[in-house]
Protein backbone atom coordinates (compact mmCIF):
# COMPACT_ATOMS: atom_id res chain seq x y z
CA MET A 1 -13.91 -0.53 38.02
CA PRO A 2 -14.60 1.73 34.89
CA ARG A 3 -18.16 2.81 34.05
CA ILE A 4 -19.94 1.29 31.30
CA LYS A 5 -22.65 3.11 29.49
CA ALA A 6 -24.62 0.06 28.14
CA ALA A 7 -27.16 -2.37 29.62
CA SER A 8 -24.93 -4.82 30.31
CA VAL A 9 -21.04 -5.94 30.33
CA ALA A 10 -21.54 -7.63 27.25
CA GLU A 11 -23.16 -4.96 25.26
CA HIS A 12 -20.65 -2.38 26.51
CA VAL A 13 -17.82 -4.93 25.16
CA ALA A 14 -19.59 -5.01 21.70
CA GLU A 15 -19.85 -1.46 21.40
CA GLN A 16 -16.48 -0.84 22.66
CA GLU A 17 -15.42 -3.45 20.16
CA ALA A 18 -17.51 -1.78 17.39
CA ALA A 19 -16.08 1.31 18.44
CA VAL A 20 -12.62 0.59 17.78
CA PHE A 21 -13.38 -1.07 14.84
CA ASN A 22 -15.09 1.54 12.95
CA ALA A 23 -12.07 4.18 14.21
CA ALA A 24 -9.70 2.10 12.94
CA ILE A 25 -11.41 1.52 9.37
CA ALA A 26 -11.93 5.63 9.13
CA LEU A 27 -8.51 6.07 10.01
CA PHE A 28 -6.89 3.52 7.33
CA VAL A 29 -9.23 4.95 4.40
CA GLU A 30 -7.94 8.63 5.99
CA ARG A 31 -4.32 7.83 6.25
CA GLY A 32 -3.79 4.88 4.62
CA TYR A 33 -3.03 1.46 6.87
CA GLU A 34 0.53 1.51 7.29
CA HIS A 35 0.17 5.12 8.56
CA VAL A 36 -2.24 4.33 11.58
CA THR A 37 -0.82 2.92 14.79
CA LEU A 38 -2.69 1.16 17.48
CA ALA A 39 -2.58 4.57 19.50
CA ASP A 40 -4.18 6.65 16.76
CA ILE A 41 -7.00 4.14 16.74
CA ALA A 42 -7.14 4.34 20.64
CA GLY A 43 -7.23 8.12 20.64
CA ARG A 44 -9.97 8.37 18.48
CA ILE A 45 -12.02 6.70 20.38
CA GLY A 46 -10.57 7.95 23.82
CA LEU A 47 -9.41 4.38 25.00
CA ALA A 48 -6.23 3.95 26.31
CA ARG A 49 -3.80 1.93 23.54
CA ASN A 50 -3.37 -1.37 25.89
CA SER A 51 -7.34 -1.58 26.31
CA LEU A 52 -7.61 -2.12 22.15
CA TYR A 53 -5.84 -5.54 22.77
CA ARG A 54 -8.91 -6.76 24.29
CA TYR A 55 -10.74 -6.43 21.18
CA PHE A 56 -8.18 -7.22 18.56
CA PRO A 57 -4.85 -8.50 18.87
CA ASP A 58 -3.19 -6.14 16.09
CA LYS A 59 -4.17 -3.94 13.26
CA ALA A 60 -3.91 -7.14 10.77
CA HIS A 61 -7.10 -8.51 12.47
CA ILE A 62 -9.43 -5.57 12.22
CA LEU A 63 -8.39 -4.84 8.69
CA LEU A 64 -9.33 -9.05 8.31
CA ARG A 65 -12.64 -8.11 9.85
CA TRP A 66 -13.17 -5.65 7.75
CA PHE A 67 -12.07 -7.71 4.45
CA GLU A 68 -14.46 -10.43 6.11
CA GLN A 69 -17.69 -8.20 6.02
CA GLU A 70 -16.56 -6.75 2.68
CA VAL A 71 -16.68 -10.04 0.66
CA PRO A 72 -20.61 -10.78 0.74
CA ARG A 73 -21.19 -7.29 -0.44
CA GLN A 74 -18.32 -7.75 -3.19
CA ILE A 75 -19.67 -11.56 -4.05
CA GLU A 76 -23.22 -9.85 -4.60
CA ARG A 77 -21.93 -6.91 -6.96
CA THR A 78 -19.54 -9.69 -9.01
CA THR A 79 -22.65 -11.84 -8.86
CA ALA A 80 -24.98 -9.45 -10.26
CA ILE A 81 -22.62 -8.15 -13.00
CA LEU A 82 -21.85 -11.38 -14.27
CA ASN A 83 -25.38 -13.08 -14.20
CA ARG A 84 -26.59 -9.98 -16.50
CA PRO A 85 -27.66 -10.82 -19.80
CA GLY A 86 -25.23 -11.26 -22.60
CA THR A 87 -21.99 -13.16 -23.28
CA PRO A 88 -19.96 -14.33 -21.03
CA GLN A 89 -17.46 -12.23 -22.75
CA ASP A 90 -19.28 -9.07 -22.40
CA ARG A 91 -20.28 -10.02 -18.69
CA ILE A 92 -16.53 -10.44 -17.98
CA VAL A 93 -15.79 -6.86 -19.43
CA ALA A 94 -18.42 -5.56 -17.40
CA TRP A 95 -16.98 -6.88 -14.51
CA ALA A 96 -13.62 -5.64 -15.22
CA ARG A 97 -14.63 -2.22 -15.61
CA ASP A 98 -17.08 -2.23 -12.26
CA GLN A 99 -13.38 -3.46 -10.56
CA LEU A 100 -11.54 -0.70 -12.02
CA GLU A 101 -14.57 1.65 -10.99
CA TYR A 102 -13.98 -0.15 -7.39
CA ALA A 103 -10.38 0.41 -7.27
CA ALA A 104 -10.76 4.00 -7.35
CA CYS A 105 -12.41 3.97 -4.22
CA PRO A 106 -10.43 4.89 -1.31
CA GLU A 107 -11.74 1.68 0.28
CA HIS A 108 -9.90 -0.61 -2.47
CA GLU A 109 -6.75 0.31 -0.85
CA LEU A 110 -7.67 -1.84 2.09
CA MET A 111 -8.63 -4.75 -0.01
CA ARG A 112 -5.39 -4.71 -1.99
CA ARG A 113 -3.71 -4.15 1.30
CA ILE A 114 -5.50 -7.20 2.89
CA GLY A 115 -3.21 -9.30 0.58
CA THR A 116 -0.02 -8.04 2.15
CA LEU A 117 -0.79 -8.99 5.52
CA VAL A 118 -0.62 -12.71 5.14
CA PRO A 119 2.49 -12.93 7.05
CA GLU A 120 1.65 -11.02 10.10
CA LEU A 121 -1.85 -13.35 10.69
CA ASP A 122 -1.95 -16.50 12.54
CA PRO A 123 -2.85 -19.61 10.42
CA ALA A 124 -6.50 -19.86 11.45
CA ALA A 125 -6.66 -16.10 10.01
CA ARG A 126 -4.75 -17.14 6.99
CA ALA A 127 -7.20 -20.00 6.31
CA ARG A 128 -10.24 -17.46 7.06
CA LEU A 129 -8.56 -15.30 4.18
CA SER A 130 -7.77 -17.95 1.66
CA THR A 131 -11.65 -19.22 2.03
CA ALA A 132 -12.88 -15.31 1.77
CA HIS A 133 -10.53 -14.53 -1.29
CA GLN A 134 -11.65 -17.96 -3.24
CA ARG A 135 -15.68 -16.78 -2.57
CA MET A 136 -14.88 -13.74 -4.06
CA THR A 137 -13.28 -15.63 -7.08
CA GLN A 138 -15.68 -18.06 -7.63
CA PRO A 139 -18.52 -16.14 -9.67
CA LEU A 140 -15.81 -15.02 -12.29
CA LEU A 141 -14.43 -18.67 -12.25
CA ASP A 142 -18.08 -19.63 -13.05
CA THR A 143 -18.56 -17.31 -15.99
CA LEU A 144 -15.35 -18.34 -17.46
CA ALA A 145 -16.68 -22.03 -17.27
CA ALA A 146 -19.47 -20.41 -19.37
CA ALA A 147 -17.24 -18.62 -21.62
CA GLY A 148 -15.76 -22.48 -22.69
CA LEU A 149 -12.40 -22.05 -20.88
CA PRO A 150 -11.14 -25.61 -19.83
CA GLU A 151 -11.36 -26.12 -16.12
CA ARG A 152 -7.29 -26.37 -15.68
CA ASP A 153 -6.91 -23.06 -17.35
CA ARG A 154 -9.58 -20.74 -15.22
CA PRO A 155 -7.58 -19.77 -12.28
CA LEU A 156 -4.79 -18.47 -14.33
CA VAL A 157 -7.06 -16.22 -16.75
CA ALA A 158 -9.11 -15.26 -13.60
CA GLU A 159 -5.58 -14.26 -11.95
CA LEU A 160 -4.65 -12.46 -15.25
CA ILE A 161 -7.72 -10.71 -16.08
CA GLN A 162 -7.31 -9.58 -12.10
CA SER A 163 -4.00 -8.06 -12.72
CA LEU A 164 -5.04 -6.38 -16.00
CA VAL A 165 -7.67 -4.86 -13.52
CA VAL A 166 -5.27 -3.86 -11.02
CA GLY A 167 -2.59 -2.52 -13.91
CA ALA A 168 -5.16 -0.80 -15.57
CA ALA A 169 -6.02 1.04 -12.02
CA ARG A 170 -2.56 1.62 -11.23
CA HIS A 171 -2.14 3.46 -14.34
CA ALA A 172 -5.27 5.09 -14.61
CA GLY A 173 -5.71 6.54 -11.35
CA ARG A 174 -8.91 7.90 -10.06
CA GLU A 175 -10.64 8.71 -13.11
CA PRO A 176 -9.85 5.94 -16.07
CA ALA A 177 -9.66 7.54 -19.83
CA ALA A 178 -11.73 5.98 -22.86
CA ALA A 179 -8.21 4.85 -23.99
CA ASP A 180 -7.79 2.94 -20.49
CA LEU A 181 -11.12 1.51 -20.78
CA THR A 182 -10.55 0.44 -24.49
CA TYR A 183 -7.17 -1.54 -23.58
CA LEU A 184 -8.53 -3.24 -20.71
CA ASP A 185 -11.71 -4.53 -22.57
CA ARG A 186 -9.22 -5.45 -25.49
CA ALA A 187 -7.07 -7.45 -23.03
CA VAL A 188 -10.02 -9.25 -21.27
CA ARG A 189 -11.72 -10.06 -24.46
CA GLY A 190 -8.61 -11.47 -25.47
CA LEU A 191 -7.96 -13.61 -22.56
CA VAL A 192 -11.40 -15.00 -22.73
């Protein structure tokens, strides 16, 4: 039987799971999700690859856990921006600019990647992903309501605004230029 370093087996398992998770996320950020294998993760922490399955069934579930931990931070950030003083349009423009800044962070690539994992996830995990995404979008939908948009139009407008941010991020790369921000601001205001 392998030796454990924690006070109990349960603590050891929790520590190992955390080590797997942290190593995987670090590797995903360093190399990109697609370029990391379970063997890479195991090698980073000195485990046999087959030991990883005790903690996570696959890479997709590791990324899902990261996403679920990231959601509350993103909701808090989004809510703070969208609850600032000013018109709903001004707050949504500020939110879009913030999202563009976030898109320049390496962690954003993980956020983008989560949407492509849906086919790899089991139905329960897909439901968790959907619920988390809805929770992240709700503050924007609430602000669109405050801007006077009809309820039936809010999901489409929210998705269009999010698409504008993604497009601007793709175009701008790591450092958005003043013109990128100007066009983003105009487009968001036009939608709202």
